[in-house]
Amino acid sequence: TEIREHEPYAAGKAALYAPEAASVDSQQYVYELAREVQDAGV
């Protein structure tokens, strides 16, 4: 019951919920790093 309060279709006996996990656009991140280092003279 508690699991399905978070994920209605997930199945299991118990679970650990970690709210700080996140999803990021890794490609945009890499390109932003590239712009930043080039601006810094790299």
PDB file of all heavy atoms in Angstrom:
ATOM      1  N   THR A   1       0.825  -1.209   0.000  1.00  0.00           N
ATOM      2  CA  THR A   1       0.000   0.000   0.000  1.00  0.00           C
ATOM      3  C   THR A   1       0.859   1.258   0.000  1.00  0.00           C
ATOM      4  O   THR A   1       0.614   2.198  -0.774  1.00  0.00           O
ATOM      5  CB  THR A   1      -0.937   0.007   1.223  1.00  0.00           C
ATOM      6  OG1 THR A   1      -1.763  -1.152   1.183  1.00  0.00           O
ATOM      7  CG2 THR A   1      -1.803   1.261   1.230  1.00  0.00           C
ATOM      8  N   GLU A   2       1.878   1.290   0.854  1.00  0.00           N
ATOM      9  CA  GLU A   2       2.753   2.455   0.923  1.00  0.00           C
ATOM     10  C   GLU A   2       3.566   2.612  -0.362  1.00  0.00           C
ATOM     11  O   GLU A   2       3.810   3.729  -0.819  1.00  0.00           O
ATOM     12  CB  GLU A   2       3.684   2.342   2.129  1.00  0.00           C
ATOM     13  CG  GLU A   2       2.987   2.511   3.468  1.00  0.00           C
ATOM     14  CD  GLU A   2       3.953   2.526   4.629  1.00  0.00           C
ATOM     15  OE1 GLU A   2       5.007   1.872   4.523  1.00  0.00           O
ATOM     16  OE2 GLU A   2       3.659   3.198   5.628  1.00  0.00           O
ATOM     17  N   ILE A   3       4.002   1.487  -0.926  1.00  0.00           N
ATOM     18  CA  ILE A   3       4.737   1.540  -2.193  1.00  0.00           C
ATOM     19  C   ILE A   3       3.880   2.204  -3.262  1.00  0.00           C
ATOM     20  O   ILE A   3       4.333   3.090  -4.001  1.00  0.00           O
ATOM     21  CB  ILE A   3       5.155   0.121  -2.635  1.00  0.00           C
ATOM     22  CG1 ILE A   3       6.274  -0.412  -1.733  1.00  0.00           C
ATOM     23  CG2 ILE A   3       5.605   0.122  -4.100  1.00  0.00           C
ATOM     24  CD1 ILE A   3       6.609  -1.871  -1.970  1.00  0.00           C
ATOM     25  N   ARG A   4       2.609   1.814  -3.338  1.00  0.00           N
ATOM     26  CA  ARG A   4       1.740   2.301  -4.410  1.00  0.00           C
ATOM     27  C   ARG A   4       1.267   3.735  -4.193  1.00  0.00           C
ATOM     28  O   ARG A   4       0.731   4.348  -5.107  1.00  0.00           O
ATOM     29  CB  ARG A   4       0.574   1.334  -4.602  1.00  0.00           C
ATOM     30  CG  ARG A   4       1.080  -0.006  -5.153  1.00  0.00           C
ATOM     31  CD  ARG A   4       0.058  -0.834  -5.823  1.00  0.00           C
ATOM     32  NE  ARG A   4       0.704  -1.846  -6.660  1.00  0.00           N
ATOM     33  CZ  ARG A   4       0.069  -2.851  -7.252  1.00  0.00           C
ATOM     34  NH1 ARG A   4      -1.257  -2.966  -7.118  1.00  0.00           N
ATOM     35  NH2 ARG A   4       0.721  -3.719  -7.998  1.00  0.00           N
ATOM     36  N   GLU A   5       1.505   4.262  -3.011  1.00  0.00           N
ATOM     37  CA  GLU A   5       1.279   5.695  -2.821  1.00  0.00           C
ATOM     38  C   GLU A   5       2.307   6.503  -3.606  1.00  0.00           C
ATOM     39  O   GLU A   5       2.037   7.630  -4.027  1.00  0.00           O
ATOM     40  CB  GLU A   5       1.344   6.040  -1.335  1.00  0.00           C
ATOM     41  CG  GLU A   5       0.144   5.559  -0.538  1.00  0.00           C
ATOM     42  CD  GLU A   5       0.295   5.826   0.955  1.00  0.00           C
ATOM     43  OE1 GLU A   5       1.332   6.418   1.340  1.00  0.00           O
ATOM     44  OE2 GLU A   5      -0.606   5.452   1.720  1.00  0.00           O
ATOM     45  N   HIS A   6       3.489   5.923  -3.797  1.00  0.00           N
ATOM     46  CA  HIS A   6       4.543   6.561  -4.590  1.00  0.00           C
ATOM     47  C   HIS A   6       4.462   6.150  -6.061  1.00  0.00           C
ATOM     48  O   HIS A   6       4.571   6.994  -6.951  1.00  0.00           O
ATOM     49  CB  HIS A   6       5.925   6.192  -4.027  1.00  0.00           C
ATOM     50  CG  HIS A   6       6.241   6.817  -2.720  1.00  0.00           C
ATOM     51  ND1 HIS A   6       6.822   8.064  -2.605  1.00  0.00           N
ATOM     52  CD2 HIS A   6       6.044   6.381  -1.449  1.00  0.00           C
ATOM     53  CE1 HIS A   6       6.974   8.362  -1.322  1.00  0.00           C
ATOM     54  NE2 HIS A   6       6.512   7.363  -0.602  1.00  0.00           N
ATOM     55  N   GLU A   7       4.322   4.845  -6.282  1.00  0.00           N
ATOM     56  CA  GLU A   7       4.274   4.310  -7.641  1.00  0.00           C
ATOM     57  C   GLU A   7       3.113   3.323  -7.736  1.00  0.00           C
ATOM     58  O   GLU A   7       3.224   2.173  -7.302  1.00  0.00           O
ATOM     59  CB  GLU A   7       5.601   3.609  -7.989  1.00  0.00           C
ATOM     60  CG  GLU A   7       6.768   4.548  -8.228  1.00  0.00           C
ATOM     61  CD  GLU A   7       6.650   5.316  -9.546  1.00  0.00           C
ATOM     62  OE1 GLU A   7       5.760   4.978 -10.357  1.00  0.00           O
ATOM     63  OE2 GLU A   7       7.450   6.251  -9.747  1.00  0.00           O
ATOM     64  N   PRO A   8       1.981   3.744  -8.305  1.00  0.00           N
ATOM     65  CA  PRO A   8       0.764   2.921  -8.289  1.00  0.00           C
ATOM     66  C   PRO A   8       0.900   1.554  -8.945  1.00  0.00           C
ATOM     67  O   PRO A   8       0.136   0.642  -8.624  1.00  0.00           O
ATOM     68  CB  PRO A   8      -0.247   3.789  -9.043  1.00  0.00           C
ATOM     69  CG  PRO A   8       0.242   5.191  -8.861  1.00  0.00           C
ATOM     70  CD  PRO A   8       1.730   5.093  -8.844  1.00  0.00           C
ATOM     71  N   TYR A   9       1.848   1.385  -9.858  1.00  0.00           N
ATOM     72  CA  TYR A   9       1.959   0.118 -10.577  1.00  0.00           C
ATOM     73  C   TYR A   9       3.158  -0.721 -10.133  1.00  0.00           C
ATOM     74  O   TYR A   9       3.375  -1.805 -10.663  1.00  0.00           O
ATOM     75  CB  TYR A   9       2.031   0.373 -12.089  1.00  0.00           C
ATOM     76  CG  TYR A   9       0.760   0.966 -12.637  1.00  0.00           C
ATOM     77  CD1 TYR A   9       0.609   2.341 -12.747  1.00  0.00           C
ATOM     78  CD2 TYR A   9      -0.313   0.151 -13.011  1.00  0.00           C
ATOM     79  CE1 TYR A   9      -0.567   2.897 -13.235  1.00  0.00           C
ATOM     80  CE2 TYR A   9      -1.493   0.693 -13.504  1.00  0.00           C
ATOM     81  CZ  TYR A   9      -1.615   2.066 -13.609  1.00  0.00           C
ATOM     82  OH  TYR A   9      -2.774   2.612 -14.083  1.00  0.00           O
ATOM     83  N   ALA A  10       3.947  -0.212  -9.183  1.00  0.00           N
ATOM     84  CA  ALA A  10       5.104  -0.967  -8.703  1.00  0.00           C
ATOM     85  C   ALA A  10       4.648  -2.071  -7.756  1.00  0.00           C
ATOM     86  O   ALA A  10       3.658  -1.926  -7.042  1.00  0.00           O
ATOM     87  CB  ALA A  10       6.086  -0.046  -7.997  1.00  0.00           C
ATOM     88  N   ALA A  11       5.387  -3.180  -7.751  1.00  0.00           N
ATOM     89  CA  ALA A  11       5.042  -4.312  -6.894  1.00  0.00           C
ATOM     90  C   ALA A  11       6.240  -4.690  -6.044  1.00  0.00           C
ATOM     91  O   ALA A  11       7.377  -4.732  -6.529  1.00  0.00           O
ATOM     92  CB  ALA A  11       4.607  -5.501  -7.736  1.00  0.00           C
ATOM     93  N   GLY A  12       5.977  -4.959  -4.754  1.00  0.00           N
ATOM     94  CA  GLY A  12       7.052  -5.381  -3.876  1.00  0.00           C
ATOM     95  C   GLY A  12       6.564  -5.584  -2.464  1.00  0.00           C
ATOM     96  O   GLY A  12       5.426  -5.239  -2.112  1.00  0.00           O
ATOM     97  N   LYS A  13       7.439  -6.138  -1.654  1.00  0.00           N
ATOM     98  CA  LYS A  13       7.125  -6.420  -0.249  1.00  0.00           C
ATOM     99  C   LYS A  13       7.417  -5.215   0.641  1.00  0.00           C
ATOM    100  O   LYS A  13       6.749  -4.981   1.646  1.00  0.00           O
ATOM    101  CB  LYS A  13       7.965  -7.623   0.201  1.00  0.00           C
ATOM    102  CG  LYS A  13       7.636  -8.165   1.573  1.00  0.00           C
ATOM    103  CD  LYS A  13       8.449  -9.445   1.807  1.00  0.00           C
ATOM    104  CE  LYS A  13       8.021 -10.100   3.126  1.00  0.00           C
ATOM    105  NZ  LYS A  13       8.376  -9.283   4.284  1.00  0.00           N
ATOM    106  N   ALA A  14       8.454  -4.457   0.248  1.00  0.00           N
ATOM    107  CA  ALA A  14       8.874  -3.272   0.996  1.00  0.00           C
ATOM    108  C   ALA A  14       9.698  -2.410   0.047  1.00  0.00           C
ATOM    109  O   ALA A  14      10.018  -2.825  -1.071  1.00  0.00           O
ATOM    110  CB  ALA A  14       9.689  -3.663   2.229  1.00  0.00           C
ATOM    111  N   ALA A  15      10.044  -1.219   0.499  1.00  0.00           N
ATOM    112  CA  ALA A  15      10.824  -0.331  -0.373  1.00  0.00           C
ATOM    113  C   ALA A  15      11.535   0.728   0.459  1.00  0.00           C
ATOM    114  O   ALA A  15      11.162   1.004   1.610  1.00  0.00           O
ATOM    115  CB  ALA A  15       9.934   0.336  -1.414  1.00  0.00           C
ATOM    116  N   LEU A  16      12.549   1.292  -0.124  1.00  0.00           N
ATOM    117  CA  LEU A  16      13.221   2.471   0.427  1.00  0.00           C
ATOM    118  C   LEU A  16      13.019   3.602  -0.565  1.00  0.00           C
ATOM    119  O   LEU A  16      13.272   3.441  -1.767  1.00  0.00           O
ATOM    120  CB  LEU A  16      14.713   2.205   0.642  1.00  0.00           C
ATOM    121  CG  LEU A  16      15.545   3.368   1.212  1.00  0.00           C
ATOM    122  CD1 LEU A  16      16.627   2.843   2.159  1.00  0.00           C
ATOM    123  CD2 LEU A  16      16.205   4.191   0.099  1.00  0.00           C
ATOM    124  N   TYR A  17      12.555   4.738  -0.072  1.00  0.00           N
ATOM    125  CA  TYR A  17      12.338   5.914  -0.917  1.00  0.00           C
ATOM    126  C   TYR A  17      13.396   6.954  -0.587  1.00  0.00           C
ATOM    127  O   TYR A  17      13.571   7.335   0.580  1.00  0.00           O
ATOM    128  CB  TYR A  17      10.948   6.481  -0.703  1.00  0.00           C
ATOM    129  CG  TYR A  17      10.695   7.766  -1.468  1.00  0.00           C
ATOM    130  CD1 TYR A  17      10.708   7.776  -2.856  1.00  0.00           C
ATOM    131  CD2 TYR A  17      10.446   8.964  -0.795  1.00  0.00           C
ATOM    132  CE1 TYR A  17      10.479   8.946  -3.563  1.00  0.00           C
ATOM    133  CE2 TYR A  17      10.212  10.138  -1.501  1.00  0.00           C
ATOM    134  CZ  TYR A  17      10.239  10.122  -2.883  1.00  0.00           C
ATOM    135  OH  TYR A  17      10.021  11.286  -3.580  1.00  0.00           O
ATOM    136  N   ALA A  18      14.131   7.388  -1.615  1.00  0.00           N
ATOM    137  CA  ALA A  18      15.176   8.405  -1.453  1.00  0.00           C
ATOM    138  C   ALA A  18      14.786   9.622  -2.294  1.00  0.00           C
ATOM    139  O   ALA A  18      14.958   9.616  -3.526  1.00  0.00           O
ATOM    140  CB  ALA A  18      16.539   7.873  -1.880  1.00  0.00           C
ATOM    141  N   PRO A  19      14.253  10.658  -1.677  1.00  0.00           N
ATOM    142  CA  PRO A  19      13.688  11.788  -2.431  1.00  0.00           C
ATOM    143  C   PRO A  19      14.723  12.657  -3.135  1.00  0.00           C
ATOM    144  O   PRO A  19      14.358  13.428  -4.021  1.00  0.00           O
ATOM    145  CB  PRO A  19      12.943  12.593  -1.362  1.00  0.00           C
ATOM    146  CG  PRO A  19      13.610  12.247  -0.080  1.00  0.00           C
ATOM    147  CD  PRO A  19      14.034  10.811  -0.228  1.00  0.00           C
ATOM    148  N   GLU A  20      16.003  12.560  -2.773  1.00  0.00           N
ATOM    149  CA  GLU A  20      17.014  13.445  -3.361  1.00  0.00           C
ATOM    150  C   GLU A  20      17.517  12.976  -4.722  1.00  0.00           C
ATOM    151  O   GLU A  20      18.217  13.725  -5.419  1.00  0.00           O
ATOM    152  CB  GLU A  20      18.195  13.582  -2.404  1.00  0.00           C
ATOM    153  CG  GLU A  20      17.835  14.292  -1.104  1.00  0.00           C
ATOM    154  CD  GLU A  20      18.916  14.166  -0.055  1.00  0.00           C
ATOM    155  OE1 GLU A  20      19.202  13.026   0.372  1.00  0.00           O
ATOM    156  OE2 GLU A  20      19.487  15.194   0.338  1.00  0.00           O
ATOM    157  N   ALA A  21      17.206  11.748  -5.119  1.00  0.00           N
ATOM    158  CA  ALA A  21      17.607  11.269  -6.446  1.00  0.00           C
ATOM    159  C   ALA A  21      16.945  12.134  -7.511  1.00  0.00           C
ATOM    160  O   ALA A  21      15.813  12.588  -7.355  1.00  0.00           O
ATOM    161  CB  ALA A  21      17.217   9.808  -6.627  1.00  0.00           C
ATOM    162  N   ALA A  22      17.652  12.346  -8.608  1.00  0.00           N
ATOM    163  CA  ALA A  22      17.150  13.251  -9.642  1.00  0.00           C
ATOM    164  C   ALA A  22      17.524  12.745 -11.025  1.00  0.00           C
ATOM    165  O   ALA A  22      18.363  11.847 -11.189  1.00  0.00           O
ATOM    166  CB  ALA A  22      17.698  14.660  -9.422  1.00  0.00           C
ATOM    167  N   SER A  23      16.904  13.343 -12.014  1.00  0.00           N
ATOM    168  CA  SER A  23      17.179  13.036 -13.412  1.00  0.00           C
ATOM    169  C   SER A  23      17.664  14.305 -14.094  1.00  0.00           C
ATOM    170  O   SER A  23      17.071  15.380 -13.926  1.00  0.00           O
ATOM    171  CB  SER A  23      15.905  12.523 -14.092  1.00  0.00           C
ATOM    172  OG  SER A  23      16.141  12.221 -15.451  1.00  0.00           O
ATOM    173  N   VAL A  24      18.756  14.193 -14.854  1.00  0.00           N
ATOM    174  CA  VAL A  24      19.372  15.353 -15.479  1.00  0.00           C
ATOM    175  C   VAL A  24      19.593  15.078 -16.967  1.00  0.00           C
ATOM    176  O   VAL A  24      19.756  13.921 -17.369  1.00  0.00           O
ATOM    177  CB  VAL A  24      20.716  15.708 -14.783  1.00  0.00           C
ATOM    178  CG1 VAL A  24      21.737  14.595 -14.982  1.00  0.00           C
ATOM    179  CG2 VAL A  24      21.271  17.021 -15.261  1.00  0.00           C
ATOM    180  N   ASP A  25      19.568  16.117 -17.775  1.00  0.00           N
ATOM    181  CA  ASP A  25      19.889  15.971 -19.195  1.00  0.00           C
ATOM    182  C   ASP A  25      21.409  15.982 -19.322  1.00  0.00           C
ATOM    183  O   ASP A  25      22.042  17.040 -19.320  1.00  0.00           O
ATOM    184  CB  ASP A  25      19.270  17.107 -20.004  1.00  0.00           C
ATOM    185  CG  ASP A  25      19.402  16.894 -21.506  1.00  0.00           C
ATOM    186  OD1 ASP A  25      20.478  16.453 -21.957  1.00  0.00           O
ATOM    187  OD2 ASP A  25      18.441  17.170 -22.233  1.00  0.00           O
ATOM    188  N   SER A  26      22.008  14.803 -19.421  1.00  0.00           N
ATOM    189  CA  SER A  26      23.467  14.698 -19.382  1.00  0.00           C
ATOM    190  C   SER A  26      24.131  15.338 -20.596  1.00  0.00           C
ATOM    191  O   SER A  26      25.228  15.897 -20.484  1.00  0.00           O
ATOM    192  CB  SER A  26      23.889  13.232 -19.266  1.00  0.00           C
ATOM    193  OG  SER A  26      23.426  12.469 -20.364  1.00  0.00           O
ATOM    194  N   GLN A  27      23.485  15.278 -21.746  1.00  0.00           N
ATOM    195  CA  GLN A  27      24.097  15.875 -22.934  1.00  0.00           C
ATOM    196  C   GLN A  27      24.143  17.395 -22.829  1.00  0.00           C
ATOM    197  O   GLN A  27      25.160  18.021 -23.149  1.00  0.00           O
ATOM    198  CB  GLN A  27      23.358  15.425 -24.189  1.00  0.00           C
ATOM    199  CG  GLN A  27      23.485  13.931 -24.437  1.00  0.00           C
ATOM    200  CD  GLN A  27      23.189  13.550 -25.877  1.00  0.00           C
ATOM    201  OE1 GLN A  27      23.089  14.395 -26.765  1.00  0.00           O
ATOM    202  NE2 GLN A  27      23.066  12.261 -26.121  1.00  0.00           N
ATOM    203  N   GLN A  28      23.050  18.002 -22.357  1.00  0.00           N
ATOM    204  CA  GLN A  28      23.074  19.457 -22.178  1.00  0.00           C
ATOM    205  C   GLN A  28      24.123  19.857 -21.140  1.00  0.00           C
ATOM    206  O   GLN A  28      24.772  20.905 -21.261  1.00  0.00           O
ATOM    207  CB  GLN A  28      21.694  19.961 -21.759  1.00  0.00           C
ATOM    208  CG  GLN A  28      20.672  19.964 -22.888  1.00  0.00           C
ATOM    209  CD  GLN A  28      19.460  20.818 -22.559  1.00  0.00           C
ATOM    210  OE1 GLN A  28      19.586  21.932 -22.041  1.00  0.00           O
ATOM    211  NE2 GLN A  28      18.275  20.313 -22.883  1.00  0.00           N
ATOM    212  N   TYR A  29      24.263  19.035 -20.117  1.00  0.00           N
ATOM    213  CA  TYR A  29      25.275  19.305 -19.086  1.00  0.00           C
ATOM    214  C   TYR A  29      26.677  19.311 -19.682  1.00  0.00           C
ATOM    215  O   TYR A  29      27.483  20.224 -19.423  1.00  0.00           O
ATOM    216  CB  TYR A  29      25.156  18.255 -17.987  1.00  0.00           C
ATOM    217  CG  TYR A  29      26.324  18.197 -17.027  1.00  0.00           C
ATOM    218  CD1 TYR A  29      26.663  19.288 -16.226  1.00  0.00           C
ATOM    219  CD2 TYR A  29      27.085  17.035 -16.909  1.00  0.00           C
ATOM    220  CE1 TYR A  29      27.738  19.221 -15.344  1.00  0.00           C
ATOM    221  CE2 TYR A  29      28.140  16.953 -16.022  1.00  0.00           C
ATOM    222  CZ  TYR A  29      28.471  18.051 -15.247  1.00  0.00           C
ATOM    223  OH  TYR A  29      29.527  17.980 -14.382  1.00  0.00           O
ATOM    224  N   VAL A  30      27.011  18.318 -20.497  1.00  0.00           N
ATOM    225  CA  VAL A  30      28.340  18.247 -21.104  1.00  0.00           C
ATOM    226  C   VAL A  30      28.592  19.447 -22.007  1.00  0.00           C
ATOM    227  O   VAL A  30      29.665  20.061 -21.969  1.00  0.00           O
ATOM    228  CB  VAL A  30      28.505  16.923 -21.887  1.00  0.00           C
ATOM    229  CG1 VAL A  30      29.797  16.934 -22.708  1.00  0.00           C
ATOM    230  CG2 VAL A  30      28.515  15.736 -20.921  1.00  0.00           C
ATOM    231  N   TYR A  31      27.601  19.814 -22.801  1.00  0.00           N
ATOM    232  CA  TYR A  31      27.785  20.957 -23.704  1.00  0.00           C
ATOM    233  C   TYR A  31      27.912  22.264 -22.929  1.00  0.00           C
ATOM    234  O   TYR A  31      28.645  23.177 -23.339  1.00  0.00           O
ATOM    235  CB  TYR A  31      26.650  21.019 -24.721  1.00  0.00           C
ATOM    236  CG  TYR A  31      26.934  20.191 -25.953  1.00  0.00           C
ATOM    237  CD1 TYR A  31      26.556  18.855 -26.023  1.00  0.00           C
ATOM    238  CD2 TYR A  31      27.627  20.731 -27.029  1.00  0.00           C
ATOM    239  CE1 TYR A  31      26.841  18.085 -27.141  1.00  0.00           C
ATOM    240  CE2 TYR A  31      27.922  19.978 -28.151  1.00  0.00           C
ATOM    241  CZ  TYR A  31      27.525  18.646 -28.204  1.00  0.00           C
ATOM    242  OH  TYR A  31      27.831  17.888 -29.307  1.00  0.00           O
ATOM    243  N   GLU A  32      27.227  22.385 -21.810  1.00  0.00           N
ATOM    244  CA  GLU A  32      27.367  23.589 -20.995  1.00  0.00           C
ATOM    245  C   GLU A  32      28.762  23.658 -20.382  1.00  0.00           C
ATOM    246  O   GLU A  32      29.378  24.735 -20.337  1.00  0.00           O
ATOM    247  CB  GLU A  32      26.305  23.617 -19.897  1.00  0.00           C
ATOM    248  CG  GLU A  32      26.324  24.890 -19.050  1.00  0.00           C
ATOM    249  CD  GLU A  32      26.136  26.159 -19.858  1.00  0.00           C
ATOM    250  OE1 GLU A  32      25.332  26.149 -20.817  1.00  0.00           O
ATOM    251  OE2 GLU A  32      26.806  27.170 -19.547  1.00  0.00           O
ATOM    252  N   LEU A  33      29.274  22.534 -19.910  1.00  0.00           N
ATOM    253  CA  LEU A  33      30.660  22.498 -19.427  1.00  0.00           C
ATOM    254  C   LEU A  33      31.628  22.937 -20.518  1.00  0.00           C
ATOM    255  O   LEU A  33      32.566  23.700 -20.264  1.00  0.00           O
ATOM    256  CB  LEU A  33      31.025  21.086 -18.968  1.00  0.00           C
ATOM    257  CG  LEU A  33      30.616  20.624 -17.579  1.00  0.00           C
ATOM    258  CD1 LEU A  33      31.046  19.166 -17.369  1.00  0.00           C
ATOM    259  CD2 LEU A  33      31.232  21.497 -16.493  1.00  0.00           C
ATOM    260  N   ALA A  34      31.382  22.462 -21.737  1.00  0.00           N
ATOM    261  CA  ALA A  34      32.262  22.819 -22.854  1.00  0.00           C
ATOM    262  C   ALA A  34      32.232  24.322 -23.117  1.00  0.00           C
ATOM    263  O   ALA A  34      33.277  24.953 -23.335  1.00  0.00           O
ATOM    264  CB  ALA A  34      31.846  22.052 -24.110  1.00  0.00           C
ATOM    265  N   ARG A  35      31.033  24.911 -23.099  1.00  0.00           N
ATOM    266  CA  ARG A  35      30.940  26.368 -23.295  1.00  0.00           C
ATOM    267  C   ARG A  35      31.665  27.117 -22.178  1.00  0.00           C
ATOM    268  O   ARG A  35      32.377  28.098 -22.425  1.00  0.00           O
ATOM    269  CB  ARG A  35      29.473  26.793 -23.351  1.00  0.00           C
ATOM    270  CG  ARG A  35      28.780  26.499 -24.665  1.00  0.00           C
ATOM    271  CD  ARG A  35      27.401  27.137 -24.722  1.00  0.00           C
ATOM    272  NE  ARG A  35      26.449  26.440 -23.866  1.00  0.00           N
ATOM    273  CZ  ARG A  35      25.696  25.420 -24.275  1.00  0.00           C
ATOM    274  NH1 ARG A  35      25.787  24.989 -25.523  1.00  0.00           N
ATOM    275  NH2 ARG A  35      24.839  24.848 -23.448  1.00  0.00           N
ATOM    276  N   GLU A  36      31.497  26.630 -20.962  1.00  0.00           N
ATOM    277  CA  GLU A  36      32.116  27.309 -19.820  1.00  0.00           C
ATOM    278  C   GLU A  36      33.639  27.269 -19.899  1.00  0.00           C
ATOM    279  O   GLU A  36      34.302  28.284 -19.662  1.00  0.00           O
ATOM    280  CB  GLU A  36      31.639  26.659 -18.515  1.00  0.00           C
ATOM    281  CG  GLU A  36      32.109  27.394 -17.275  1.00  0.00           C
ATOM    282  CD  GLU A  36      31.593  26.782 -15.995  1.00  0.00           C
ATOM    283  OE1 GLU A  36      30.952  25.717 -16.039  1.00  0.00           O
ATOM    284  OE2 GLU A  36      31.848  27.376 -14.930  1.00  0.00           O
ATOM    285  N   VAL A  37      34.203  26.112 -20.234  1.00  0.00           N
ATOM    286  CA  VAL A  37      35.671  26.028 -20.263  1.00  0.00           C
ATOM    287  C   VAL A  37      36.242  26.830 -21.433  1.00  0.00           C
ATOM    288  O   VAL A  37      37.310  27.443 -21.317  1.00  0.00           O
ATOM    289  CB  VAL A  37      36.167  24.568 -20.295  1.00  0.00           C
ATOM    290  CG1 VAL A  37      35.692  23.804 -19.078  1.00  0.00           C
ATOM    291  CG2 VAL A  37      35.797  23.842 -21.572  1.00  0.00           C
ATOM    292  N   GLN A  38      35.527  26.858 -22.547  1.00  0.00           N
ATOM    293  CA  GLN A  38      36.002  27.669 -23.674  1.00  0.00           C
ATOM    294  C   GLN A  38      35.958  29.151 -23.329  1.00  0.00           C
ATOM    295  O   GLN A  38      36.879  29.902 -23.679  1.00  0.00           O
ATOM    296  CB  GLN A  38      35.175  27.366 -24.916  1.00  0.00           C
ATOM    297  CG  GLN A  38      35.488  26.002 -25.534  1.00  0.00           C
ATOM    298  CD  GLN A  38      34.612  25.710 -26.733  1.00  0.00           C
ATOM    299  OE1 GLN A  38      33.397  25.572 -26.617  1.00  0.00           O
ATOM    300  NE2 GLN A  38      35.218  25.624 -27.898  1.00  0.00           N
ATOM    301  N   ASP A  39      34.925  29.585 -22.633  1.00  0.00           N
ATOM    302  CA  ASP A  39      34.851  30.983 -22.189  1.00  0.00           C
ATOM    303  C   ASP A  39      35.996  31.327 -21.235  1.00  0.00           C
ATOM    304  O   ASP A  39      36.417  32.485 -21.150  1.00  0.00           O
ATOM    305  CB  ASP A  39      33.513  31.259 -21.501  1.00  0.00           C
ATOM    306  CG  ASP A  39      32.340  31.281 -22.471  1.00  0.00           C
ATOM    307  OD1 ASP A  39      32.585  31.376 -23.700  1.00  0.00           O
ATOM    308  OD2 ASP A  39      31.181  31.188 -22.011  1.00  0.00           O
ATOM    309  N   ALA A  40      36.477  30.287 -20.514  1.00  0.00           N
ATOM    310  CA  ALA A  40      37.575  30.494 -19.561  1.00  0.00           C
ATOM    311  C   ALA A  40      38.939  30.417 -20.231  1.00  0.00           C
ATOM    312  O   ALA A  40      39.972  30.552 -19.557  1.00  0.00           O
ATOM    313  CB  ALA A  40      37.492  29.465 -18.441  1.00  0.00           C
ATOM    314  N   GLY A  41      38.963  30.201 -21.552  1.00  0.00           N
ATOM    315  CA  GLY A  41      40.228  30.190 -22.277  1.00  0.00           C
ATOM    316  C   GLY A  41      40.790  28.823 -22.596  1.00  0.00           C
ATOM    317  O   GLY A  41      41.893  28.703 -23.147  1.00  0.00           O
ATOM    318  N   VAL A  42      40.064  27.766 -22.263  1.00  0.00           N
ATOM    319  CA  VAL A  42      40.514  26.408 -22.579  1.00  0.00           C
ATOM    320  C   VAL A  42      40.275  26.135 -24.060  1.00  0.00           C
ATOM    321  O   VAL A  42      39.215  26.475 -24.601  1.00  0.00           O
ATOM    322  CB  VAL A  42      39.763  25.372 -21.724  1.00  0.00           C
ATOM    323  CG1 VAL A  42      40.095  23.946 -22.153  1.00  0.00           C
ATOM    324  CG2 VAL A  42      40.085  25.568 -20.241  1.00  0.00           C
TER     325      VAL A  42
END
